[in-house]
N, C-alpha and C. Protein backbone atom coordinates (compact mmCIF):
# COMPACT_ATOMS: atom_id res chain seq x y z
N MET A 1 2.42 -35.02 -35.36
CA MET A 1 3.02 -35.69 -34.07
C MET A 1 1.92 -35.25 -33.11
N PRO A 2 1.64 -36.15 -32.40
CA PRO A 2 0.50 -36.33 -31.52
C PRO A 2 0.70 -35.36 -30.25
N PHE A 3 -0.09 -34.82 -30.02
CA PHE A 3 0.24 -33.60 -28.40
C PHE A 3 0.42 -34.56 -27.29
N PRO A 4 1.86 -34.65 -26.79
CA PRO A 4 2.05 -35.47 -25.23
C PRO A 4 1.03 -35.36 -24.64
N ARG A 5 0.66 -36.55 -24.03
CA ARG A 5 -0.86 -36.48 -22.41
C ARG A 5 0.11 -36.16 -21.66
N ARG A 6 1.33 -35.94 -21.52
CA ARG A 6 2.22 -35.42 -20.04
C ARG A 6 2.19 -33.85 -20.47
N VAL A 7 2.66 -33.65 -21.19
CA VAL A 7 2.25 -31.77 -21.75
C VAL A 7 0.93 -31.30 -21.31
N ALA A 8 0.35 -32.08 -21.75
CA ALA A 8 -1.42 -31.29 -21.51
C ALA A 8 -1.89 -31.68 -19.99
N LEU A 9 -1.15 -32.76 -19.19
CA LEU A 9 -1.50 -32.93 -17.74
C LEU A 9 -1.17 -31.80 -17.31
N ARG A 10 0.05 -31.43 -17.53
CA ARG A 10 1.28 -30.40 -16.78
C ARG A 10 0.59 -29.39 -17.07
N SER A 11 0.08 -29.03 -18.07
CA SER A 11 -0.89 -27.66 -18.28
C SER A 11 -2.15 -27.42 -17.42
N LEU A 12 -2.71 -28.48 -17.72
CA LEU A 12 -4.22 -28.08 -17.08
C LEU A 12 -3.77 -28.37 -15.23
N PHE A 13 -2.58 -29.08 -14.81
CA PHE A 13 -2.26 -28.81 -13.37
C PHE A 13 -2.28 -27.28 -12.98
N ALA A 14 -1.02 -27.08 -14.14
CA ALA A 14 -0.47 -25.88 -13.80
C ALA A 14 -1.78 -24.33 -14.02
N LEU A 15 -2.82 -24.87 -14.96
CA LEU A 15 -3.85 -24.05 -14.81
C LEU A 15 -4.50 -24.07 -13.83
N ALA A 16 -4.90 -25.06 -13.02
CA ALA A 16 -5.71 -25.69 -11.51
C ALA A 16 -4.98 -24.88 -10.59
N VAL A 17 -3.85 -24.86 -10.86
CA VAL A 17 -3.12 -24.63 -9.36
C VAL A 17 -3.26 -22.71 -9.76
N THR A 18 -2.71 -22.40 -10.65
CA THR A 18 -3.06 -20.76 -10.66
C THR A 18 -4.74 -20.47 -10.39
N ALA A 19 -5.69 -20.86 -11.08
CA ALA A 19 -7.07 -20.29 -10.67
C ALA A 19 -6.94 -20.89 -9.28
N ALA A 20 -6.69 -21.60 -8.69
CA ALA A 20 -6.87 -21.51 -7.17
C ALA A 20 -5.92 -21.09 -6.07
N THR A 21 -4.34 -20.43 -6.31
CA THR A 21 -3.99 -19.92 -5.44
C THR A 21 -4.58 -18.24 -5.90
N GLY A 22 -4.52 -17.98 -7.48
CA GLY A 22 -4.22 -16.85 -7.58
C GLY A 22 -6.12 -15.75 -6.94
N GLY A 23 -7.13 -16.81 -7.22
CA GLY A 23 -8.53 -16.13 -6.58
C GLY A 23 -8.02 -15.79 -4.88
N ALA A 24 -7.43 -16.65 -4.15
CA ALA A 24 -6.75 -16.24 -2.83
C ALA A 24 -6.02 -15.31 -2.94
N LEU A 25 -4.72 -15.07 -3.67
CA LEU A 25 -4.05 -14.23 -3.25
C LEU A 25 -4.85 -13.13 -4.00
N GLY A 26 -5.51 -12.97 -4.88
CA GLY A 26 -6.35 -11.81 -5.00
C GLY A 26 -7.16 -11.13 -4.15
N ARG A 27 -7.75 -12.08 -3.37
CA ARG A 27 -8.56 -11.60 -2.14
C ARG A 27 -7.77 -10.91 -1.28
N ILE A 28 -6.37 -11.24 -0.68
CA ILE A 28 -6.03 -10.92 0.28
C ILE A 28 -5.00 -10.00 -0.60
N ALA A 29 -4.70 -9.43 -1.56
CA ALA A 29 -4.39 -8.47 -1.94
C ALA A 29 -4.91 -7.38 -1.78
N ALA A 30 -6.73 -7.27 -1.94
CA ALA A 30 -7.63 -6.69 -2.27
C ALA A 30 -7.82 -6.29 -0.88
N ARG A 31 -7.65 -6.81 0.22
CA ARG A 31 -8.06 -6.23 1.44
C ARG A 31 -7.17 -5.18 1.56
N SER A 32 -7.80 -4.08 2.40
CA SER A 32 -6.98 -2.87 2.56
C SER A 32 -6.53 -3.11 4.35
N PRO A 33 -5.39 -2.84 4.73
CA PRO A 33 -4.99 -3.13 6.05
C PRO A 33 -5.85 -2.59 6.92
N ARG A 34 -5.56 -2.77 8.17
CA ARG A 34 -6.53 -2.36 9.33
C ARG A 34 -5.84 -2.30 10.57
N ALA A 35 -6.30 -0.94 11.43
CA ALA A 35 -5.66 -0.79 12.46
C ALA A 35 -5.38 -1.89 12.88
N ALA A 36 -5.96 -2.78 13.34
CA ALA A 36 -6.52 -3.83 14.29
C ALA A 36 -5.18 -4.84 13.78
N ASP A 37 -4.98 -5.14 12.61
CA ASP A 37 -4.11 -6.04 11.94
C ASP A 37 -2.81 -5.60 12.44
N PRO A 38 -2.24 -6.57 13.08
CA PRO A 38 -0.88 -6.72 14.06
C PRO A 38 0.46 -6.64 12.73
N TYR A 39 0.16 -6.88 11.35
CA TYR A 39 1.19 -7.21 10.62
C TYR A 39 0.98 -5.71 9.29
N ALA A 40 0.21 -5.11 9.42
CA ALA A 40 -0.62 -4.19 8.52
C ALA A 40 0.44 -3.37 7.83
N PHE A 41 1.05 -3.02 6.70
CA PHE A 41 1.25 -2.14 6.39
C PHE A 41 1.08 -2.12 4.92
N ASP A 42 1.50 -0.83 4.25
CA ASP A 42 1.14 -0.46 2.77
C ASP A 42 1.82 0.65 2.50
N GLU A 43 2.76 0.99 1.94
CA GLU A 43 3.93 1.84 1.31
C GLU A 43 4.30 1.35 0.12
N MET A 44 5.20 2.43 -0.19
CA MET A 44 5.90 2.78 -1.46
C MET A 44 7.86 2.66 -0.87
N TYR A 45 8.32 1.82 -1.19
CA TYR A 45 9.44 1.60 -0.49
C TYR A 45 10.41 1.29 -1.74
N ALA A 46 11.62 1.98 -2.04
CA ALA A 46 12.45 1.92 -2.98
C ALA A 46 11.95 1.42 -4.39
N GLY A 47 10.66 2.37 -4.67
CA GLY A 47 9.93 2.30 -5.79
C GLY A 47 9.05 1.35 -6.16
N ARG A 48 8.87 0.64 -5.14
CA ARG A 48 7.81 -0.39 -5.05
C ARG A 48 6.71 -0.82 -4.07
N ARG A 49 5.80 -0.99 -4.57
CA ARG A 49 4.67 -0.92 -3.51
C ARG A 49 4.82 -2.25 -2.51
N ILE A 50 5.31 -2.15 -1.42
CA ILE A 50 5.08 -3.17 -0.09
C ILE A 50 4.00 -3.36 0.54
N ARG A 51 3.07 -4.36 0.86
CA ARG A 51 1.69 -4.52 1.76
C ARG A 51 1.86 -5.43 2.57
N GLY A 52 1.13 -5.49 4.08
CA GLY A 52 1.06 -6.41 4.51
C GLY A 52 -0.01 -6.80 5.30
N LEU A 53 -0.32 -7.92 5.86
CA LEU A 53 -1.72 -8.20 6.39
C LEU A 53 -1.28 -9.26 6.96
N THR A 54 -2.33 -9.86 7.92
CA THR A 54 -2.35 -11.14 8.45
C THR A 54 -3.31 -11.73 7.67
N GLY A 55 -2.90 -12.59 7.57
CA GLY A 55 -3.77 -14.05 6.53
C GLY A 55 -4.03 -14.89 7.16
N PRO A 56 -4.61 -16.03 6.27
CA PRO A 56 -5.38 -17.45 7.19
C PRO A 56 -4.17 -18.04 8.12
N GLY A 57 -4.70 -18.33 9.43
CA GLY A 57 -3.50 -19.10 10.41
C GLY A 57 -2.98 -17.60 11.19
N GLY A 58 -3.44 -16.60 10.81
CA GLY A 58 -2.63 -15.82 11.95
C GLY A 58 -1.54 -15.36 11.00
N GLU A 59 -1.12 -15.95 9.77
CA GLU A 59 0.25 -15.64 9.62
C GLU A 59 0.72 -14.31 8.69
N PRO A 60 1.87 -13.68 9.08
CA PRO A 60 1.45 -12.55 8.15
C PRO A 60 1.83 -12.95 7.01
N VAL A 61 1.16 -11.68 5.61
CA VAL A 61 1.50 -11.83 4.01
C VAL A 61 1.78 -10.96 3.67
N ALA A 62 2.92 -10.48 3.46
CA ALA A 62 3.63 -9.63 2.32
C ALA A 62 3.80 -9.79 0.77
N LEU A 63 2.90 -8.55 0.51
CA LEU A 63 2.86 -8.67 -1.08
C LEU A 63 4.08 -7.58 -1.71
N VAL A 64 5.17 -7.80 -2.89
CA VAL A 64 5.44 -6.58 -3.23
C VAL A 64 5.11 -6.42 -4.56
N ASP A 65 4.73 -5.55 -5.07
CA ASP A 65 4.16 -5.07 -6.41
C ASP A 65 3.12 -5.96 -6.57
N GLY A 66 2.27 -6.50 -5.33
CA GLY A 66 1.36 -7.17 -5.93
C GLY A 66 1.34 -8.92 -5.65
N ARG A 67 2.76 -9.22 -5.68
CA ARG A 67 3.38 -10.67 -6.06
C ARG A 67 3.35 -11.09 -4.56
N PRO A 68 3.19 -12.38 -4.09
CA PRO A 68 3.59 -12.96 -2.62
C PRO A 68 4.96 -12.43 -2.53
N LEU A 69 5.63 -12.78 -1.24
CA LEU A 69 6.65 -13.06 -0.73
C LEU A 69 6.56 -13.69 0.37
N HIS A 70 7.20 -14.89 0.19
CA HIS A 70 6.97 -15.70 1.17
C HIS A 70 8.27 -15.15 2.91
N LEU A 71 7.60 -15.22 4.22
CA LEU A 71 8.06 -14.85 5.36
C LEU A 71 8.30 -16.12 5.91
N MET A 72 9.50 -16.35 7.14
CA MET A 72 9.51 -17.06 7.46
C MET A 72 10.16 -16.56 8.76
N ARG A 73 8.93 -17.39 10.05
CA ARG A 73 9.60 -17.19 11.39
C ARG A 73 10.90 -17.44 11.64
N CYS A 74 11.86 -16.82 12.31
CA CYS A 74 13.13 -17.33 12.95
C CYS A 74 13.34 -17.87 14.53
N ALA A 75 14.11 -18.72 14.87
CA ALA A 75 14.13 -19.01 15.97
C ALA A 75 14.02 -17.97 17.27
N ASP A 76 14.64 -16.80 16.79
CA ASP A 76 14.89 -15.52 17.95
C ASP A 76 13.57 -15.06 18.07
N GLY A 77 12.28 -15.13 17.29
CA GLY A 77 11.47 -14.30 16.64
C GLY A 77 11.53 -13.26 15.58
N GLY A 78 12.60 -13.27 14.85
CA GLY A 78 12.46 -12.25 13.61
C GLY A 78 12.11 -12.72 12.89
N TRP A 79 12.18 -12.03 11.48
CA TRP A 79 11.55 -12.73 10.18
C TRP A 79 12.65 -12.76 9.09
N VAL A 80 12.50 -13.62 8.40
CA VAL A 80 13.57 -13.55 7.36
C VAL A 80 12.33 -13.73 5.77
N SER A 81 13.26 -14.01 4.56
CA SER A 81 12.97 -14.27 3.49
C SER A 81 13.48 -14.90 2.45
N PRO A 82 13.30 -15.14 1.66
CA PRO A 82 13.78 -16.38 0.41
C PRO A 82 14.83 -15.46 -0.02
N LEU A 83 14.91 -14.32 -0.04
CA LEU A 83 15.60 -13.28 -1.12
C LEU A 83 16.51 -12.48 0.10
N ASP A 84 16.36 -12.56 1.63
CA ASP A 84 17.37 -12.09 2.38
C ASP A 84 17.18 -12.52 3.09
N HIS A 85 17.81 -13.97 3.53
CA HIS A 85 17.43 -15.03 4.73
C HIS A 85 19.11 -15.07 6.03
N TYR A 86 20.21 -14.19 5.52
CA TYR A 86 20.97 -13.92 6.44
C TYR A 86 21.11 -13.21 7.67
N GLU A 87 20.15 -12.22 7.99
CA GLU A 87 19.95 -11.85 8.93
C GLU A 87 18.71 -11.38 9.26
N SER A 88 18.39 -11.93 10.70
CA SER A 88 16.98 -12.08 11.55
C SER A 88 16.28 -10.51 11.28
N CYS A 89 15.11 -10.13 10.96
CA CYS A 89 14.70 -8.49 11.02
C CYS A 89 13.49 -8.71 12.09
N PRO A 90 13.41 -7.47 12.66
CA PRO A 90 12.21 -7.86 14.05
C PRO A 90 10.96 -7.98 13.46
N THR A 91 10.59 -7.55 12.21
CA THR A 91 8.96 -7.62 11.99
C THR A 91 8.81 -7.97 10.73
N PRO A 92 7.61 -8.09 10.21
CA PRO A 92 7.70 -8.60 8.57
C PRO A 92 7.53 -7.51 7.95
N LEU A 93 7.76 -6.43 8.47
CA LEU A 93 7.79 -5.12 7.55
C LEU A 93 9.15 -4.92 7.13
N ALA A 94 10.49 -4.81 8.46
CA ALA A 94 11.57 -5.15 7.92
C ALA A 94 11.92 -5.86 7.15
N ALA A 95 11.64 -7.34 7.15
CA ALA A 95 11.80 -8.31 6.41
C ALA A 95 11.52 -8.19 5.00
N THR A 96 10.52 -7.59 4.76
CA THR A 96 9.56 -7.11 3.20
C THR A 96 10.92 -6.06 2.67
N ARG A 97 11.16 -5.01 3.44
CA ARG A 97 12.22 -4.19 3.42
C ARG A 97 13.60 -4.51 2.37
N ALA A 98 14.51 -5.72 3.58
CA ALA A 98 15.07 -6.20 3.45
C ALA A 98 15.18 -7.13 1.86
N ALA A 99 14.27 -7.96 1.63
CA ALA A 99 14.30 -8.42 0.38
C ALA A 99 14.15 -7.36 -0.49
N VAL A 100 13.83 -6.11 -0.60
CA VAL A 100 12.97 -5.03 -1.53
C VAL A 100 14.79 -4.81 -1.96
N ASP A 101 15.30 -4.58 -0.57
CA ASP A 101 16.80 -4.11 -1.14
C ASP A 101 17.54 -5.11 -1.90
N ALA A 102 17.16 -6.59 -1.51
CA ALA A 102 17.88 -7.62 -1.93
C ALA A 102 17.77 -7.89 -3.30
N ALA A 103 16.78 -7.63 -3.72
CA ALA A 103 16.29 -7.85 -5.08
C ALA A 103 16.21 -6.85 -5.85
N GLY A 104 16.86 -5.30 -5.66
CA GLY A 104 16.97 -4.46 -6.47
C GLY A 104 16.10 -4.36 -7.27
N SER A 105 16.40 -3.91 -8.53
CA SER A 105 15.56 -3.82 -9.49
C SER A 105 14.45 -4.54 -10.50
N ALA A 106 15.39 -6.30 -9.72
CA ALA A 106 14.79 -7.24 -10.28
C ALA A 106 13.44 -7.46 -10.18
N PRO A 107 12.39 -8.03 -11.03
CA PRO A 107 11.24 -8.66 -10.41
C PRO A 107 11.04 -9.31 -9.52
N LEU A 108 9.82 -9.61 -8.66
CA LEU A 108 9.68 -10.89 -8.06
C LEU A 108 9.45 -11.74 -8.87
N SER A 109 10.24 -13.00 -8.49
CA SER A 109 9.31 -14.29 -9.01
C SER A 109 7.89 -14.68 -8.67
N ARG A 110 7.34 -15.36 -9.48
CA ARG A 110 5.80 -15.51 -9.29
C ARG A 110 5.74 -16.60 -8.26
N TYR A 111 6.82 -17.23 -8.33
CA TYR A 111 6.79 -18.57 -7.59
C TYR A 111 7.59 -18.71 -6.14
N ALA A 112 7.90 -16.98 -5.48
CA ALA A 112 8.43 -16.82 -4.49
C ALA A 112 7.72 -16.84 -3.06
N ALA A 113 6.51 -17.09 -3.48
CA ALA A 113 5.57 -17.25 -2.38
C ALA A 113 5.60 -18.70 -1.70
N GLY A 114 6.16 -19.83 -2.32
CA GLY A 114 5.94 -21.10 -2.17
C GLY A 114 6.70 -21.97 -2.02
N HIS A 115 6.79 -23.07 -1.45
CA HIS A 115 7.52 -24.08 -1.59
C HIS A 115 7.20 -25.24 -2.53
N GLY A 116 8.04 -26.14 -2.97
CA GLY A 116 7.67 -27.16 -3.54
C GLY A 116 7.43 -26.94 -5.00
N LEU A 117 8.04 -25.77 -5.50
CA LEU A 117 7.65 -25.03 -6.96
C LEU A 117 9.16 -25.15 -7.81
N HIS A 118 9.36 -26.36 -8.55
CA HIS A 118 10.89 -26.84 -8.81
C HIS A 118 10.59 -26.73 -10.17
N SER A 119 11.64 -26.32 -10.89
CA SER A 119 11.67 -26.63 -12.37
C SER A 119 11.61 -28.03 -12.81
N ASP A 120 11.13 -28.21 -14.01
CA ASP A 120 11.33 -29.72 -14.31
C ASP A 120 12.21 -30.33 -14.24
N PRO A 121 13.21 -31.15 -14.14
CA PRO A 121 14.34 -31.96 -14.45
C PRO A 121 14.75 -32.54 -15.48
N THR A 122 13.95 -33.02 -16.09
CA THR A 122 13.96 -33.48 -17.63
C THR A 122 13.90 -32.65 -18.65
N GLY A 123 13.72 -30.82 -18.14
CA GLY A 123 13.99 -30.06 -19.33
C GLY A 123 12.93 -30.35 -20.47
N GLY A 124 11.91 -30.84 -19.68
CA GLY A 124 10.54 -30.89 -20.72
C GLY A 124 11.22 -31.68 -21.76
N ASN A 125 12.04 -32.95 -21.55
CA ASN A 125 12.24 -33.99 -22.54
C ASN A 125 10.99 -35.14 -21.92
N PRO A 126 10.51 -35.48 -22.91
CA PRO A 126 9.62 -36.39 -22.20
C PRO A 126 9.90 -38.16 -22.07
N ARG A 127 11.49 -37.80 -22.79
CA ARG A 127 12.16 -39.37 -22.32
C ARG A 127 13.02 -39.37 -21.60
N GLY A 128 13.05 -37.88 -20.61
CA GLY A 128 13.57 -38.03 -19.44
C GLY A 128 14.94 -37.15 -19.56
N VAL A 129 15.90 -37.47 -18.47
CA VAL A 129 17.25 -36.56 -18.33
C VAL A 129 18.13 -36.80 -19.14
N HIS A 130 17.94 -38.63 -19.26
CA HIS A 130 19.38 -39.29 -19.97
C HIS A 130 19.00 -39.54 -21.49
N ALA A 131 18.13 -38.76 -22.21
CA ALA A 131 17.62 -39.15 -23.56
C ALA A 131 18.56 -38.03 -24.33
C-alpha cells in the first residue's frame, strides 16, 4: 500500500510547526527572570518547576516543567488558565499555581499553550468520518 500523501503532508506540517515554535519557546525558557520583569518568577511549587516572564508583546509567559501554560486576562484584571478557569487569580504566578493544583500529578499537555490545536475528527481515516 503506498504511503498516503495526506499522512506525509500532515507529518511535514507537524514537524514544521514543532521546529518553529520549539525554537522560540526554548529561547524564552532559557532566559532567566529579571528584576525589571513584572511577570518574572521561578520557583518549585508542588513538586513542579514553574517559571514566568514577559514574552513577546508584553504578555506573560508561564512554563510548568518547561512546558508552556496559556494564561488569559479576565475582564476584572485577573488571570486564568485552561486548567483552572473558574476563579480569577490576581497575578500570573497565582494562576500558574492554581493550574498546577488543578493538574495534580498529571503532566501538562504539549498543546496547553495554544488555541486551534485539535485532534483529527476523522480519527486518521483517509476516507473520513463516515467510512
